[in-house]
Amino acid sequence: MNYPQLLLLGAIAGFTIFLGLPLALLQNVSPHKKGFLNALAIGILVFLIIDVFGHAWDTASTVAAAAFIGRASASDAVADLIAVFGGIAIGLLGLVFYESKYMAKAVTTESPQTHVVKTGFGSGGSMLLQNQVLGELSAYKLAMMIAIGIGAHNFSEGLAIGQSYAAGSIGLALILIIGFGAHNATEGFGISSPLTRLDRKPSARFLVLAGLVGGGPTFIGTLVGSLIGVSNFTYILFLSIAGGALVYVSMLMYSTGRRQTTNRVLMVGIFVGLCAGLLTDLIVTLGGV
């Protein structure tokens, strides 16, 4: 496998995320089915949370343990622990700031348009329109938040692919590409799930943008990882940012799901999504990674 082939396969591994995005185009879906699809996406996100925090903490704690017995630098151990907790803060609290500042601003921007239409529909019609506007804004913002969190996670996956190639482990790099490609296909469901509750189909432009945000970082990470040596600090930081962001959006999606369907349907959907994440990850494990 030569270098251009590596970059091409890295791009394919990331952009398999587009395989799950057409789910957003489904129309006339019952509330229970929407709730199940929402829960399926939550299950996938729960797996990703376990996966990214597991890798980040294993790396940081290994360095800390080595530093404790004098086999590694104490400053490196401290830096890696800062990367873990700092990354979680950026991913989790950063999205809280993003929602409170930019989502509120977006709603304010839409309000004057809603007011203009009031004269044509009366108070009942204007309230319905306003709820529709706010619902669409919330769905689009949530889908983009999920894409951002998945993108941060996929960047770290790309780093692993690029570093394996740079180290001469071509077989390992290929196995990672296959495994991450299969896994990213399920991540598209997570992005598209909030959009299934819209009354009209989301635009192709938005779906392409969300796919680029979520899948593109795999290619970028592959490129960066193959060209420069990436430190543990960078690797841990991006994993922790991704984990914090995914915790935030999964909580939002669970809150939405509770309003769509019963808790039993939610738990079944989460179970199926979690199993899907574990099974796709098994491809990488069976490859000896």
Protein backbone atom coordinates (compact mmCIF):
# COMPACT_ATOMS: atom_id res chain seq x y z
CA MET A 1 0.00 0.00 0.00
CA ASN A 2 1.57 3.28 -1.13
CA TYR A 3 0.95 6.71 0.37
CA PRO A 4 -1.78 7.88 -2.06
CA GLN A 5 -3.63 4.61 -1.43
CA LEU A 6 -3.37 5.21 2.31
CA LEU A 7 -4.97 8.65 1.98
CA LEU A 8 -7.70 7.30 -0.31
CA LEU A 9 -8.54 4.47 2.08
CA GLY A 10 -8.43 6.89 5.03
CA ALA A 11 -11.00 9.06 3.26
CA ILE A 12 -13.20 6.03 2.51
CA ALA A 13 -13.00 4.94 6.17
CA GLY A 14 -14.32 8.34 7.23
CA PHE A 15 -16.93 8.86 4.55
CA THR A 16 -18.70 5.55 5.12
CA ILE A 17 -20.56 7.75 7.60
CA PHE A 18 -22.67 8.85 4.61
CA LEU A 19 -24.15 5.34 4.46
CA GLY A 20 -26.20 6.07 7.59
CA LEU A 21 -27.26 9.62 6.76
CA PRO A 22 -30.16 8.73 4.38
CA LEU A 23 -32.07 7.67 7.49
CA ALA A 24 -32.84 11.39 7.95
CA LEU A 25 -34.92 11.34 4.75
CA LEU A 26 -37.50 8.94 6.16
CA GLN A 27 -40.92 10.55 6.38
CA ASN A 28 -44.24 9.59 8.01
CA VAL A 29 -42.49 7.67 10.76
CA SER A 30 -44.59 6.99 13.87
CA PRO A 31 -43.49 8.49 17.22
CA HIS A 32 -42.61 5.03 18.56
CA LYS A 33 -40.42 4.26 15.53
CA LYS A 34 -38.77 7.66 15.81
CA GLY A 35 -38.15 6.98 19.48
CA PHE A 36 -36.62 3.60 18.68
CA LEU A 37 -34.33 5.11 16.01
CA ASN A 38 -33.36 7.82 18.47
CA ALA A 39 -32.56 5.17 21.11
CA LEU A 40 -30.59 3.15 18.53
CA ALA A 41 -28.40 6.20 17.94
CA ILE A 42 -28.00 6.69 21.71
CA GLY A 43 -26.78 3.10 22.04
CA ILE A 44 -24.14 3.73 19.36
CA LEU A 45 -23.07 6.92 21.15
CA VAL A 46 -22.87 5.07 24.49
CA PHE A 47 -20.48 2.59 22.89
CA LEU A 48 -18.38 5.44 21.48
CA ILE A 49 -18.24 7.06 24.94
CA ILE A 50 -16.98 3.81 26.48
CA ASP A 51 -14.51 3.32 23.64
CA VAL A 52 -12.98 6.81 23.61
CA PHE A 53 -12.73 7.18 27.39
CA GLY A 54 -11.30 3.68 27.67
CA HIS A 55 -8.49 4.46 25.22
CA ALA A 56 -7.81 7.91 26.69
CA TRP A 57 -7.74 6.75 30.31
CA ASP A 58 -5.72 3.60 29.61
CA THR A 59 -3.03 5.69 27.90
CA ALA A 60 -2.95 8.36 30.63
CA SER A 61 -3.08 5.94 33.56
CA THR A 62 -0.30 3.79 32.08
CA VAL A 63 2.00 6.80 31.92
CA ALA A 64 0.96 7.86 35.44
CA ALA A 65 1.67 4.38 36.82
CA ALA A 66 5.07 4.33 35.13
CA ALA A 67 5.89 7.78 36.53
CA PHE A 68 4.88 6.66 40.03
CA ILE A 69 7.57 3.97 40.03
CA GLY A 70 10.12 6.22 38.35
CA ARG A 71 10.01 4.72 34.86
CA ALA A 72 8.46 7.74 33.15
CA SER A 73 8.54 11.51 33.46
CA ALA A 74 6.25 12.98 36.10
CA SER A 75 5.64 16.01 33.88
CA ASP A 76 4.41 13.74 31.07
CA ALA A 77 2.04 11.99 33.47
CA VAL A 78 0.63 15.31 34.72
CA ALA A 79 0.26 16.60 31.15
CA ASP A 80 -1.65 13.48 30.08
CA LEU A 81 -4.00 13.72 33.07
CA ILE A 82 -4.61 17.39 32.28
CA ALA A 83 -5.41 16.33 28.70
CA VAL A 84 -8.04 13.88 30.00
CA PHE A 85 -9.87 16.25 32.34
CA GLY A 86 -9.30 19.33 30.21
CA GLY A 87 -10.60 17.52 27.12
CA ILE A 88 -13.74 16.42 28.94
CA ALA A 89 -14.32 20.01 30.09
CA ILE A 90 -13.88 21.36 26.55
CA GLY A 91 -16.17 18.75 25.00
CA LEU A 92 -18.88 18.76 27.66
CA LEU A 93 -18.93 22.32 28.99
CA GLY A 94 -17.97 23.75 25.60
CA LEU A 95 -21.19 22.44 24.08
CA VAL A 96 -23.16 23.87 27.01
CA PHE A 97 -21.67 27.28 26.16
CA TYR A 98 -22.32 26.72 22.44
CA GLU A 99 -25.98 25.88 23.06
CA SER A 100 -26.64 28.72 25.50
CA LYS A 101 -25.02 31.36 23.30
CA TYR A 102 -25.51 30.37 19.67
CA MET A 103 -28.76 28.39 19.81
CA ALA A 104 -30.41 31.20 21.76
CA LYS A 105 -29.11 33.67 19.19
CA ALA A 106 -30.50 31.57 16.36
CA VAL A 107 -33.94 31.46 17.99
CA THR A 108 -33.87 35.25 18.43
CA THR A 109 -33.00 35.65 14.76
CA GLU A 110 -36.00 33.57 13.73
CA SER A 111 -38.49 35.32 16.00
CA PRO A 112 -39.10 38.43 13.81
CA GLN A 113 -39.96 36.19 10.85
CA THR A 114 -42.44 34.31 12.99
CA HIS A 115 -43.97 37.61 14.08
CA VAL A 116 -44.55 38.71 10.48
CA VAL A 117 -46.54 35.57 9.72
CA LYS A 118 -48.74 36.02 12.78
CA THR A 119 -51.07 38.42 10.97
CA GLY A 120 -51.94 35.74 8.42
CA PHE A 121 -52.65 32.85 10.77
CA GLY A 122 -53.95 34.29 14.02
CA SER A 123 -52.64 33.47 17.48
CA GLY A 124 -53.17 29.72 17.17
CA GLY A 125 -51.45 29.49 13.80
CA SER A 126 -48.54 31.67 14.92
CA MET A 127 -47.93 29.51 17.98
CA LEU A 128 -47.92 26.38 15.81
CA LEU A 129 -45.48 27.98 13.39
CA GLN A 130 -43.23 29.16 16.20
CA ASN A 131 -43.11 25.67 17.71
CA GLN A 132 -42.27 24.25 14.29
CA VAL A 133 -39.44 26.76 13.81
CA LEU A 134 -37.99 26.05 17.24
CA GLY A 135 -38.32 22.29 16.72
CA GLU A 136 -36.44 22.43 13.42
CA LEU A 137 -33.69 24.59 14.92
CA SER A 138 -33.28 22.18 17.81
CA ALA A 139 -33.12 19.13 15.54
CA TYR A 140 -30.55 20.68 13.18
CA LYS A 141 -28.39 21.98 16.04
CA LEU A 142 -28.47 18.63 17.83
CA ALA A 143 -27.55 16.77 14.64
CA MET A 144 -24.59 19.11 14.10
CA MET A 145 -23.48 18.73 17.73
CA ILE A 146 -23.46 14.96 17.27
CA ALA A 147 -21.47 15.35 14.04
CA ILE A 148 -18.90 17.54 15.84
CA GLY A 149 -18.49 15.03 18.68
CA ILE A 150 -18.16 12.11 16.25
CA GLY A 151 -15.73 14.14 14.14
CA ALA A 152 -13.42 14.68 17.12
CA HIS A 153 -13.55 10.94 17.80
CA ASN A 154 -12.87 10.11 14.15
CA PHE A 155 -9.86 12.44 14.08
CA SER A 156 -8.22 10.28 16.75
CA GLU A 157 -9.05 7.19 14.68
CA GLY A 158 -7.35 8.79 11.69
CA LEU A 159 -4.29 9.51 13.82
CA ALA A 160 -4.07 5.82 14.68
CA ILE A 161 -4.24 4.87 10.99
CA GLY A 162 -1.59 7.42 9.99
CA GLN A 163 0.77 6.55 12.83
CA SER A 164 0.52 2.82 12.06
CA TYR A 165 1.50 3.51 8.44
CA ALA A 166 4.36 5.81 9.47
CA ALA A 167 5.68 3.09 11.81
CA GLY A 168 5.74 0.62 8.92
CA SER A 169 2.80 -1.47 10.21
CA ILE A 170 0.97 -1.57 6.89
CA GLY A 171 -1.16 -4.57 7.85
CA LEU A 172 -2.27 -2.89 11.06
CA ALA A 173 -3.14 0.31 9.20
CA LEU A 174 -5.26 -1.66 6.73
CA ILE A 175 -7.08 -3.49 9.52
CA LEU A 176 -7.81 -0.19 11.23
CA ILE A 177 -9.18 1.26 7.99
CA ILE A 178 -11.55 -1.70 7.53
CA GLY A 179 -12.68 -1.66 11.15
CA PHE A 180 -13.15 2.09 11.41
CA GLY A 181 -14.91 2.17 8.04
CA ALA A 182 -17.46 -0.41 9.17
CA HIS A 183 -17.89 1.39 12.47
CA ASN A 184 -18.34 4.85 10.92
CA ALA A 185 -21.24 3.56 8.83
CA THR A 186 -23.24 3.15 12.05
CA GLU A 187 -22.29 6.66 13.22
CA GLY A 188 -24.32 8.15 10.38
CA PHE A 189 -27.44 6.88 12.15
CA GLY A 190 -26.50 8.92 15.21
CA ILE A 191 -26.31 12.14 13.19
CA SER A 192 -29.51 11.57 11.22
CA SER A 193 -31.68 10.39 14.12
CA PRO A 194 -32.70 13.88 15.41
CA LEU A 195 -33.72 14.84 11.85
CA THR A 196 -36.29 12.04 11.51
CA ARG A 197 -38.72 14.00 13.67
CA LEU A 198 -38.90 16.90 11.21
CA ASP A 199 -42.09 17.39 9.20
CA ARG A 200 -40.10 17.94 6.02
CA LYS A 201 -36.97 16.33 4.67
CA PRO A 202 -33.66 17.97 5.62
CA SER A 203 -31.74 19.52 2.77
CA ALA A 204 -29.08 17.52 0.96
CA ARG A 205 -26.71 20.42 1.60
CA PHE A 206 -27.05 20.03 5.38
CA LEU A 207 -26.59 16.26 5.23
CA VAL A 208 -23.44 16.65 3.14
CA LEU A 209 -22.11 19.26 5.59
CA ALA A 210 -22.87 17.04 8.60
CA GLY A 211 -21.18 14.09 6.87
CA LEU A 212 -18.08 16.15 6.17
CA VAL A 213 -17.94 17.37 9.78
CA GLY A 214 -18.36 13.84 11.16
CA GLY A 215 -16.38 11.81 8.61
CA GLY A 216 -13.83 14.25 7.22
CA PRO A 217 -11.63 14.27 10.35
CA THR A 218 -10.77 10.60 9.74
CA PHE A 219 -9.01 11.62 6.54
CA ILE A 220 -7.42 14.67 8.21
CA GLY A 221 -6.20 12.52 11.10
CA THR A 222 -4.75 9.97 8.68
CA LEU A 223 -2.85 12.72 6.90
CA VAL A 224 -1.58 14.35 10.10
CA GLY A 225 -0.67 11.04 11.75
CA SER A 226 1.33 9.88 8.73
CA LEU A 227 3.34 13.10 8.42
CA ILE A 228 4.22 14.04 11.98
CA GLY A 229 4.73 12.28 15.27
CA VAL A 230 1.67 12.79 17.44
CA SER A 231 2.23 12.92 21.18
CA ASN A 232 0.19 11.09 23.81
CA PHE A 233 -1.06 14.48 24.95
CA THR A 234 -2.64 15.28 21.57
CA TYR A 235 -4.11 11.80 21.22
CA ILE A 236 -5.61 11.84 24.72
CA LEU A 237 -6.89 15.40 24.37
CA PHE A 238 -8.89 14.70 21.21
CA LEU A 239 -10.31 11.48 22.62
CA SER A 240 -11.43 13.28 25.79
CA ILE A 241 -12.97 16.16 23.86
CA ALA A 242 -14.90 13.64 21.78
CA GLY A 243 -16.04 11.75 24.88
CA GLY A 244 -17.25 14.89 26.65
CA ALA A 245 -19.17 16.03 23.58
CA LEU A 246 -20.79 12.62 23.12
CA VAL A 247 -21.92 12.54 26.77
CA TYR A 248 -23.65 15.88 26.27
CA VAL A 249 -25.48 15.01 23.07
CA SER A 250 -26.51 11.55 24.29
CA MET A 251 -28.20 13.17 27.31
CA LEU A 252 -30.08 15.55 25.01
CA MET A 253 -31.18 12.68 22.79
CA TYR A 254 -32.37 10.65 25.76
CA SER A 255 -34.46 13.60 26.93
CA THR A 256 -36.01 13.82 23.46
CA GLY A 257 -36.62 10.08 23.34
CA ARG A 258 -38.53 10.10 26.63
CA ARG A 259 -41.06 12.45 25.01
CA GLN A 260 -41.39 10.29 21.89
CA THR A 261 -41.98 6.80 23.22
CA THR A 262 -41.99 4.53 26.25
CA ASN A 263 -38.97 3.75 28.39
CA ARG A 264 -39.16 0.09 27.31
CA VAL A 265 -38.79 1.00 23.62
CA LEU A 266 -35.92 3.33 24.52
CA MET A 267 -34.03 0.65 26.43
CA VAL A 268 -34.48 -1.89 23.63
CA GLY A 269 -33.21 0.64 21.09
CA ILE A 270 -30.20 1.54 23.25
CA PHE A 271 -29.43 -2.17 23.67
CA VAL A 272 -29.53 -2.77 19.90
CA GLY A 273 -27.38 0.31 19.21
CA LEU A 274 -24.84 -0.67 21.85
CA CYS A 275 -24.59 -4.18 20.41
CA ALA A 276 -24.15 -2.75 16.89
CA GLY A 277 -21.23 -0.65 18.12
CA LEU A 278 -19.63 -3.59 19.89
CA LEU A 279 -20.00 -5.89 16.88
CA THR A 280 -18.48 -3.43 14.43
CA ASP A 281 -15.60 -2.83 16.82
CA LEU A 282 -15.08 -6.60 16.97
CA ILE A 283 -13.71 -6.42 13.41
CA VAL A 284 -10.75 -4.44 14.73
CA THR A 285 -10.29 -6.74 17.73
CA LEU A 286 -10.32 -9.89 15.61
CA GLY A 287 -7.59 -8.32 13.51
CA GLY A 288 -5.35 -8.41 16.56
CA VAL A 289 -5.39 -4.68 17.31
